Amino acid sequence: MDPQALESEALSAIEASASPAELDDARVRYLGRKSELKQALREVRDRETGMVLNAVRERLEAAAGARETELRTAELEAVFTGPSVDVTLPGERPNRGHLHLITQIRREVEDIFLGLGYEVYDGDEVATVFENFDALTTEPGHPSRSSSDTFYLDESTVLRTHTSPDQIRVMQSRTPPIYMVSLGRVYRRDTPDATHSPTFNQVESLVVDRHITLADLKGTVLHFSRALFGEERDVRMRTSYFPFTEPSVEFDVSCFLCDGAGCAVCKHSGWIEMGGAGVVDPDVFVNVGYDPEEVSGFAFGLGLERIAMLRHGLPDLRLFWENDLRVLGQF
C-alpha cells in the first residue's frame, strides 16, 4: 500500500462529499474497521511504518472533521437564508371526524324524551324468548318467532328483534309510574336492500301510570314528531294490529317536504308513515305482575334509520354503513 496515494485519494473523496451522508460513506471507506488503512495498521511490524500510517490516519480524521463542520454550517445557512416560516400564523387545520348521522339522530331523540322527564334505558341486545316474545303476548305460531325471521342463540335466547325486551325488564324490576325510552340495535333475518337490513336501530317509548289513554299517546307522538320535523307538523293514527297493544295503531306525520301538498317522499298522499303504537295490552301487565285494573299505558316505536332517511332524503339504508366519507361527511 502506498500511504501517500491512499491519503490523496481519501482527501479527494472527503472534499467531494456534498452531504453528511456522503461524508459518512467516505469515512467508512477510508477510516472504517475494514478499510485498507486500518488493515495496514494492524499488520505494522516496525516503528517507522507505524508512525507514517498513524500520521495519515490523523490527517484524514482532521480533514473529515473539518468537512463535517463545513457541511453542517452550510445546512444552517440554507435554513436561515431560505424562505422564512412565520410560526405565529395559524397552521393548517387537520381533518376531524364527527358523530355518525345515526348517533346524531339518537342523541337528538334522547334529548327530546329527557326534556319530557323520561328515563333513557340502554338494555342488553341479547334477550330471552320470554322477554322478546312471551311476555309481549306474541302467539306461538307468529311468523316473527320463526328461525327464518329471528336469530336464535339457543332455544331460549335470541338477539332482540325490537327494544321491547327493555320495557319488560323495567316493568319486572320496578313499580309504576314508568316513563321510559329505549334505543339501540335490533336484529332480524332480513336480506339487505334499500329499505331492509339484518341490523338496524330502533327507539321505543313506554308509559305506565294511572289513567293513561290513547289521547296521551297521540299527544306524546305529536310532540315527538314536531320536535323532530318542525312545529307545523300534524299527526294522524290508523288502526292496526300488534300482539302487545290493544287498541293498536300506526301513526303518520304530515309531510315536512311538501307540507301536505303531495310529493314523491309521501307518495303524493301528504302523509309519511312513521311507526307503530298503541295502548299496552292488559295481558302484558299480567305477565310482568301488574294489575291491569290499577294501571294503563301506551307504547310506540320506530327506526332511527327511517328518521334519518326521511329528514335527509337518503334513498338507501345501506348508505349508513358503507362508510363512504362522501356521504357521511355531509352530516
Protein backbone atom coordinates (compact mmCIF):
# COMPACT_ATOMS: atom_id res chain seq x y z
CA MET A 1 0.00 0.00 0.00
CA ASP A 2 1.26 3.48 -0.91
CA PRO A 3 0.40 5.79 2.07
CA GLN A 4 0.70 8.95 0.00
CA ALA A 5 -1.57 7.68 -2.77
CA LEU A 6 -4.13 6.48 -0.23
CA GLU A 7 -4.07 9.83 1.58
CA SER A 8 -4.51 11.76 -1.64
CA GLU A 9 -7.43 9.58 -2.73
CA ALA A 10 -9.12 9.84 0.70
CA LEU A 11 -8.71 13.63 0.90
CA SER A 12 -10.27 14.00 -2.55
CA ALA A 13 -13.26 11.84 -1.51
CA ILE A 14 -13.71 13.84 1.72
CA GLU A 15 -13.61 17.18 -0.07
CA ALA A 16 -16.01 15.93 -2.75
CA SER A 17 -18.64 14.92 -0.15
CA ALA A 18 -21.68 17.13 -0.72
CA SER A 19 -23.70 15.95 2.28
CA PRO A 20 -23.20 14.41 5.73
CA ALA A 21 -24.35 11.07 4.32
CA GLU A 22 -21.69 11.11 1.58
CA LEU A 23 -19.06 12.12 4.17
CA ASP A 24 -20.03 9.15 6.36
CA ASP A 25 -19.57 6.84 3.36
CA ALA A 26 -16.05 8.25 2.78
CA ARG A 27 -15.20 7.80 6.50
CA VAL A 28 -16.23 4.17 6.42
CA ARG A 29 -14.33 3.52 3.18
CA TYR A 30 -11.01 5.09 4.31
CA LEU A 31 -11.14 5.07 8.12
CA GLY A 32 -13.50 2.23 8.96
CA ARG A 33 -12.51 -1.03 10.64
CA LYS A 34 -12.31 -2.86 7.32
CA SER A 35 -10.59 -0.02 5.44
CA GLU A 36 -7.20 -0.55 3.77
CA LEU A 37 -5.55 1.86 6.23
CA LYS A 38 -6.88 0.03 9.31
CA GLN A 39 -5.80 -3.32 7.90
CA ALA A 40 -2.27 -1.94 7.27
CA LEU A 41 -2.03 -0.57 10.82
CA ARG A 42 -2.87 -3.99 12.24
CA GLU A 43 0.00 -5.56 10.26
CA VAL A 44 2.69 -2.97 11.19
CA ARG A 45 5.90 -4.59 12.45
CA ASP A 46 8.30 -1.59 12.60
CA ARG A 47 8.19 1.80 14.30
CA GLU A 48 8.74 4.00 11.24
CA THR A 49 5.94 2.48 9.19
CA GLY A 50 3.58 2.79 12.15
CA MET A 51 4.40 6.48 12.58
CA VAL A 52 3.77 7.17 8.88
CA LEU A 53 0.43 5.37 8.83
CA ASN A 54 -0.77 6.97 12.09
CA ALA A 55 0.12 10.40 10.71
CA VAL A 56 -2.01 9.65 7.62
CA ARG A 57 -4.90 8.49 9.78
CA GLU A 58 -4.75 11.66 11.93
CA ARG A 59 -4.69 13.97 8.87
CA LEU A 60 -7.65 12.14 7.33
CA GLU A 61 -9.65 12.31 10.58
CA ALA A 62 -8.90 16.04 10.86
CA ALA A 63 -9.94 16.61 7.24
CA ALA A 64 -13.19 14.65 7.78
CA GLY A 65 -13.98 16.67 10.92
CA ALA A 66 -13.34 19.95 9.15
CA ARG A 67 -15.53 18.90 6.19
CA GLU A 68 -18.33 17.87 8.54
CA THR A 69 -18.24 21.33 10.16
CA GLU A 70 -18.43 22.95 6.73
CA LEU A 71 -21.41 20.84 5.68
CA ARG A 72 -23.33 21.47 8.94
CA THR A 73 -22.67 25.21 8.64
CA ALA A 74 -23.93 25.21 5.06
CA GLU A 75 -27.14 23.43 6.12
CA LEU A 76 -27.82 26.05 8.81
CA GLU A 77 -27.16 28.90 6.39
CA ALA A 78 -29.62 27.37 3.92
CA VAL A 79 -32.28 27.23 6.63
CA PHE A 80 -31.76 30.82 7.73
CA THR A 81 -31.35 32.35 4.28
CA GLY A 82 -34.12 30.31 2.61
CA PRO A 83 -37.88 31.09 2.61
CA SER A 84 -38.95 32.04 6.11
CA VAL A 85 -41.85 30.50 8.00
CA ASP A 86 -43.95 32.72 10.26
CA VAL A 87 -44.59 30.43 13.21
CA THR A 88 -47.18 32.88 14.58
CA LEU A 89 -49.57 32.24 11.67
CA PRO A 90 -52.32 29.65 12.16
CA GLY A 91 -51.38 26.23 10.82
CA GLU A 92 -53.43 24.04 8.54
CA ARG A 93 -56.41 22.67 10.40
CA PRO A 94 -56.34 18.86 10.37
CA ASN A 95 -59.40 16.97 9.22
CA ARG A 96 -61.51 15.93 12.18
CA GLY A 97 -64.11 13.25 12.42
CA HIS A 98 -67.63 13.76 13.70
CA LEU A 99 -70.51 11.74 15.06
CA HIS A 100 -72.19 9.33 12.66
CA LEU A 101 -75.59 10.51 11.43
CA ILE A 102 -77.40 7.71 13.30
CA THR A 103 -75.62 8.70 16.52
CA GLN A 104 -76.65 12.31 15.95
CA ILE A 105 -80.30 11.26 15.49
CA ARG A 106 -80.14 9.01 18.54
CA ARG A 107 -78.85 11.82 20.77
CA GLU A 108 -81.48 14.20 19.43
CA VAL A 109 -84.23 11.67 20.22
CA GLU A 110 -82.80 11.11 23.70
CA ASP A 111 -82.82 14.88 24.33
CA ILE A 112 -86.49 15.11 23.31
CA PHE A 113 -87.53 12.45 25.82
CA LEU A 114 -85.23 13.73 28.55
CA GLY A 115 -86.99 17.07 28.13
CA LEU A 116 -90.27 15.27 28.87
CA GLY A 117 -88.82 13.77 32.04
CA TYR A 118 -88.40 10.26 30.65
CA GLU A 119 -85.66 7.82 31.63
CA VAL A 120 -83.32 6.67 28.84
CA TYR A 121 -82.77 2.93 29.27
CA ASP A 122 -79.92 1.16 27.46
CA GLY A 123 -80.56 -2.57 27.65
CA ASP A 124 -78.91 -5.79 26.51
CA GLU A 125 -79.03 -6.81 22.86
CA VAL A 126 -79.47 -10.44 23.89
CA ALA A 127 -82.91 -11.31 25.27
CA THR A 128 -84.74 -14.38 26.45
CA VAL A 129 -87.62 -15.76 24.42
CA PHE A 130 -89.87 -14.76 27.31
CA GLU A 131 -88.75 -11.12 27.18
CA ASN A 132 -88.78 -10.89 23.38
CA PHE A 133 -91.99 -12.83 22.65
CA ASP A 134 -93.87 -14.49 25.53
CA ALA A 135 -94.26 -11.51 27.84
CA LEU A 136 -95.43 -9.45 24.87
CA THR A 137 -98.23 -11.98 24.17
CA THR A 138 -96.80 -12.96 20.78
CA GLU A 139 -98.72 -16.04 19.66
CA PRO A 140 -96.77 -19.35 19.43
CA GLY A 141 -97.37 -19.53 15.69
CA HIS A 142 -96.50 -15.91 14.93
CA PRO A 143 -94.07 -15.62 11.95
CA SER A 144 -91.67 -13.45 13.97
CA ARG A 145 -90.89 -16.45 16.21
CA SER A 146 -89.57 -18.46 13.26
CA SER A 147 -85.83 -19.07 12.94
CA SER A 148 -86.14 -17.67 9.43
CA ASP A 149 -87.06 -14.28 10.97
CA THR A 150 -85.14 -14.26 14.27
CA PHE A 151 -81.53 -15.01 15.25
CA TYR A 152 -81.67 -17.73 17.93
CA LEU A 153 -78.61 -18.25 20.12
CA ASP A 154 -80.25 -21.28 21.69
CA GLU A 155 -83.81 -22.46 22.30
CA SER A 156 -84.46 -19.83 24.97
CA THR A 157 -82.20 -16.94 23.89
CA VAL A 158 -82.32 -14.60 20.88
CA LEU A 159 -80.80 -11.44 19.52
CA ARG A 160 -83.58 -8.99 20.28
CA THR A 161 -85.86 -8.25 17.33
CA HIS A 162 -87.02 -4.97 18.89
CA THR A 163 -86.15 -2.96 22.01
CA SER A 164 -89.37 -4.05 23.74
CA PRO A 165 -87.48 -6.55 25.98
CA ASP A 166 -86.05 -3.49 27.73
CA GLN A 167 -89.60 -2.49 28.65
CA ILE A 168 -90.32 -5.95 30.06
CA ARG A 169 -87.14 -5.85 32.17
CA VAL A 170 -88.00 -2.40 33.54
CA MET A 171 -91.58 -3.40 34.42
CA GLN A 172 -90.35 -6.58 36.13
CA SER A 173 -87.86 -4.65 38.25
CA ARG A 174 -89.94 -1.71 39.47
CA THR A 175 -93.44 -0.49 40.13
CA PRO A 176 -95.31 2.25 38.22
CA PRO A 177 -95.19 5.04 37.29
CA ILE A 178 -92.80 4.34 34.43
CA TYR A 179 -91.82 6.84 31.76
CA MET A 180 -89.00 5.41 29.70
CA VAL A 181 -87.48 5.29 26.24
CA SER A 182 -85.12 2.57 24.99
CA LEU A 183 -82.84 2.94 21.98
CA GLY A 184 -80.39 0.56 20.37
CA ARG A 185 -79.57 -2.04 17.77
CA VAL A 186 -82.02 -4.80 16.94
CA TYR A 187 -81.59 -7.85 14.71
CA ARG A 188 -83.78 -9.62 12.16
CA ARG A 189 -83.09 -12.12 9.40
CA ASP A 190 -83.60 -9.69 6.53
CA THR A 191 -81.75 -9.62 3.21
CA PRO A 192 -80.02 -6.24 2.89
CA ASP A 193 -81.60 -3.92 0.34
CA ALA A 194 -82.57 -0.25 0.09
CA THR A 195 -85.07 -0.49 2.97
CA HIS A 196 -84.04 -3.61 4.94
CA SER A 197 -81.05 -4.65 6.99
CA PRO A 198 -80.30 -7.57 9.37
CA THR A 199 -79.35 -4.96 11.99
CA PHE A 200 -80.80 -1.51 12.49
CA ASN A 201 -81.55 0.96 15.28
CA GLN A 202 -84.88 1.40 16.98
CA VAL A 203 -86.43 3.75 19.52
CA GLU A 204 -89.37 2.66 21.67
CA SER A 205 -91.20 4.58 24.36
CA LEU A 206 -93.24 3.14 27.23
CA VAL A 207 -95.51 4.90 29.72
CA VAL A 208 -97.24 3.07 32.58
CA ASP A 209 -99.30 5.06 35.08
CA ARG A 210 -102.83 5.56 36.26
CA HIS A 211 -105.46 6.79 33.78
CA ILE A 212 -103.23 6.71 30.68
CA THR A 213 -105.30 6.84 27.48
CA LEU A 214 -104.92 6.87 23.71
CA ALA A 215 -105.12 10.66 23.86
CA ASP A 216 -101.91 10.72 25.93
CA LEU A 217 -100.25 8.59 23.26
CA LYS A 218 -101.29 10.91 20.45
CA GLY A 219 -100.14 13.99 22.36
CA THR A 220 -96.74 12.45 23.00
CA VAL A 221 -96.31 11.31 19.41
CA LEU A 222 -97.35 14.79 18.22
CA HIS A 223 -94.76 16.47 20.45
CA PHE A 224 -92.09 13.99 19.35
CA SER A 225 -92.86 14.50 15.65
CA ARG A 226 -92.87 18.29 15.90
CA ALA A 227 -89.58 18.27 17.78
CA LEU A 228 -88.00 16.19 15.00
CA PHE A 229 -89.66 17.58 11.89
CA GLY A 230 -90.94 21.06 12.75
CA GLU A 231 -93.71 22.75 14.73
CA GLU A 232 -96.07 22.79 11.74
CA ARG A 233 -96.38 19.03 11.64
CA ASP A 234 -99.57 17.15 12.36
CA VAL A 235 -100.11 13.51 13.27
CA ARG A 236 -102.79 11.03 12.31
CA MET A 237 -103.38 7.48 13.52
CA ARG A 238 -104.65 4.45 11.63
CA THR A 239 -105.91 1.25 13.21
CA SER A 240 -103.53 -1.68 13.03
CA TYR A 241 -102.56 -4.83 14.94
CA PHE A 242 -99.64 -5.64 17.24
CA PRO A 243 -99.65 -8.57 19.71
CA PHE A 244 -98.74 -6.38 22.71
CA THR A 245 -101.10 -3.40 22.30
CA GLU A 246 -104.87 -3.07 22.22
CA PRO A 247 -106.02 -0.94 20.52
CA SER A 248 -103.08 -0.81 18.10
CA VAL A 249 -102.39 2.00 15.67
CA GLU A 250 -99.84 3.15 13.12
CA PHE A 251 -99.03 6.83 13.13
CA ASP A 252 -98.20 9.13 10.24
CA VAL A 253 -96.76 12.64 10.25
CA SER A 254 -97.74 15.30 7.74
CA CYS A 255 -95.07 15.59 5.06
CA PHE A 256 -92.44 18.13 6.04
CA LEU A 257 -91.14 18.44 2.47
CA CYS A 258 -94.32 19.35 0.62
CA ASP A 259 -96.30 20.48 3.70
CA GLY A 260 -99.05 18.03 2.84
CA ALA A 261 -99.45 19.03 -0.81
CA GLY A 262 -98.10 15.73 -2.10
CA CYS A 263 -94.62 14.71 -3.29
CA ALA A 264 -92.55 11.62 -4.08
CA VAL A 265 -91.44 11.17 -0.45
CA CYS A 266 -95.00 10.99 0.90
CA LYS A 267 -96.18 9.13 -2.24
CA HIS A 268 -98.40 12.13 -3.05
CA SER A 269 -100.58 11.43 0.00
CA GLY A 270 -99.39 14.33 2.16
CA TRP A 271 -98.52 11.87 4.98
CA ILE A 272 -95.39 9.89 5.87
CA GLU A 273 -95.63 6.55 7.67
CA MET A 274 -93.53 6.62 10.84
CA GLY A 275 -94.13 3.68 13.17
CA GLY A 276 -96.38 1.54 15.32
CA ALA A 277 -98.06 2.37 18.61
CA GLY A 278 -100.93 1.50 20.89
CA VAL A 279 -102.32 1.11 24.38
CA VAL A 280 -100.49 -1.64 26.28
CA ASP A 281 -102.46 -4.89 26.25
CA PRO A 282 -103.67 -5.84 29.77
CA ASP A 283 -102.17 -9.34 29.30
CA VAL A 284 -98.70 -7.77 29.12
CA PHE A 285 -99.28 -6.21 32.53
CA VAL A 286 -100.38 -9.57 33.89
CA ASN A 287 -97.19 -11.20 32.53
CA VAL A 288 -94.97 -8.73 34.45
CA GLY A 289 -97.04 -8.80 37.66
CA TYR A 290 -99.01 -5.56 37.27
CA ASP A 291 -102.72 -5.21 37.94
CA PRO A 292 -104.34 -4.01 34.69
CA GLU A 293 -107.27 -2.69 36.75
CA GLU A 294 -104.91 -0.29 38.51
CA VAL A 295 -102.61 0.90 35.72
CA SER A 296 -102.68 1.51 32.00
CA GLY A 297 -100.08 2.60 29.50
CA PHE A 298 -99.00 3.20 25.94
CA ALA A 299 -96.01 2.37 23.78
CA PHE A 300 -94.74 3.43 20.38
CA GLY A 301 -91.64 2.82 18.33
CA LEU A 302 -89.89 3.46 15.02
CA GLY A 303 -86.49 3.09 13.37
CA LEU A 304 -83.77 5.69 13.74
CA GLU A 305 -82.59 4.99 10.19
CA ARG A 306 -86.08 5.80 8.93
CA ILE A 307 -85.97 9.18 10.68
CA ALA A 308 -82.59 9.93 9.12
CA MET A 309 -83.65 8.79 5.65
CA LEU A 310 -86.77 10.93 5.70
CA ARG A 311 -85.14 14.05 7.12
CA HIS A 312 -82.16 13.99 4.77
CA GLY A 313 -83.61 12.42 1.65
CA LEU A 314 -81.30 9.38 1.61
CA PRO A 315 -82.58 6.74 -0.82
CA ASP A 316 -80.81 3.65 0.52
CA LEU A 317 -80.46 2.25 4.05
CA ARG A 318 -77.08 0.75 3.18
CA LEU A 319 -75.52 4.20 2.80
CA PHE A 320 -75.36 4.47 6.60
CA TRP A 321 -72.99 1.51 6.92
CA GLU A 322 -70.84 1.61 3.76
CA ASN A 323 -68.57 4.22 5.41
CA ASP A 324 -68.37 6.35 2.27
CA LEU A 325 -66.94 9.64 3.55
CA ARG A 326 -68.55 11.49 0.64
CA VAL A 327 -71.92 10.59 2.15
CA LEU A 328 -71.12 10.70 5.87
CA GLY A 329 -69.20 13.96 5.55
CA GLN A 330 -72.40 15.78 4.57
CA PHE A 331 -73.81 15.36 8.06
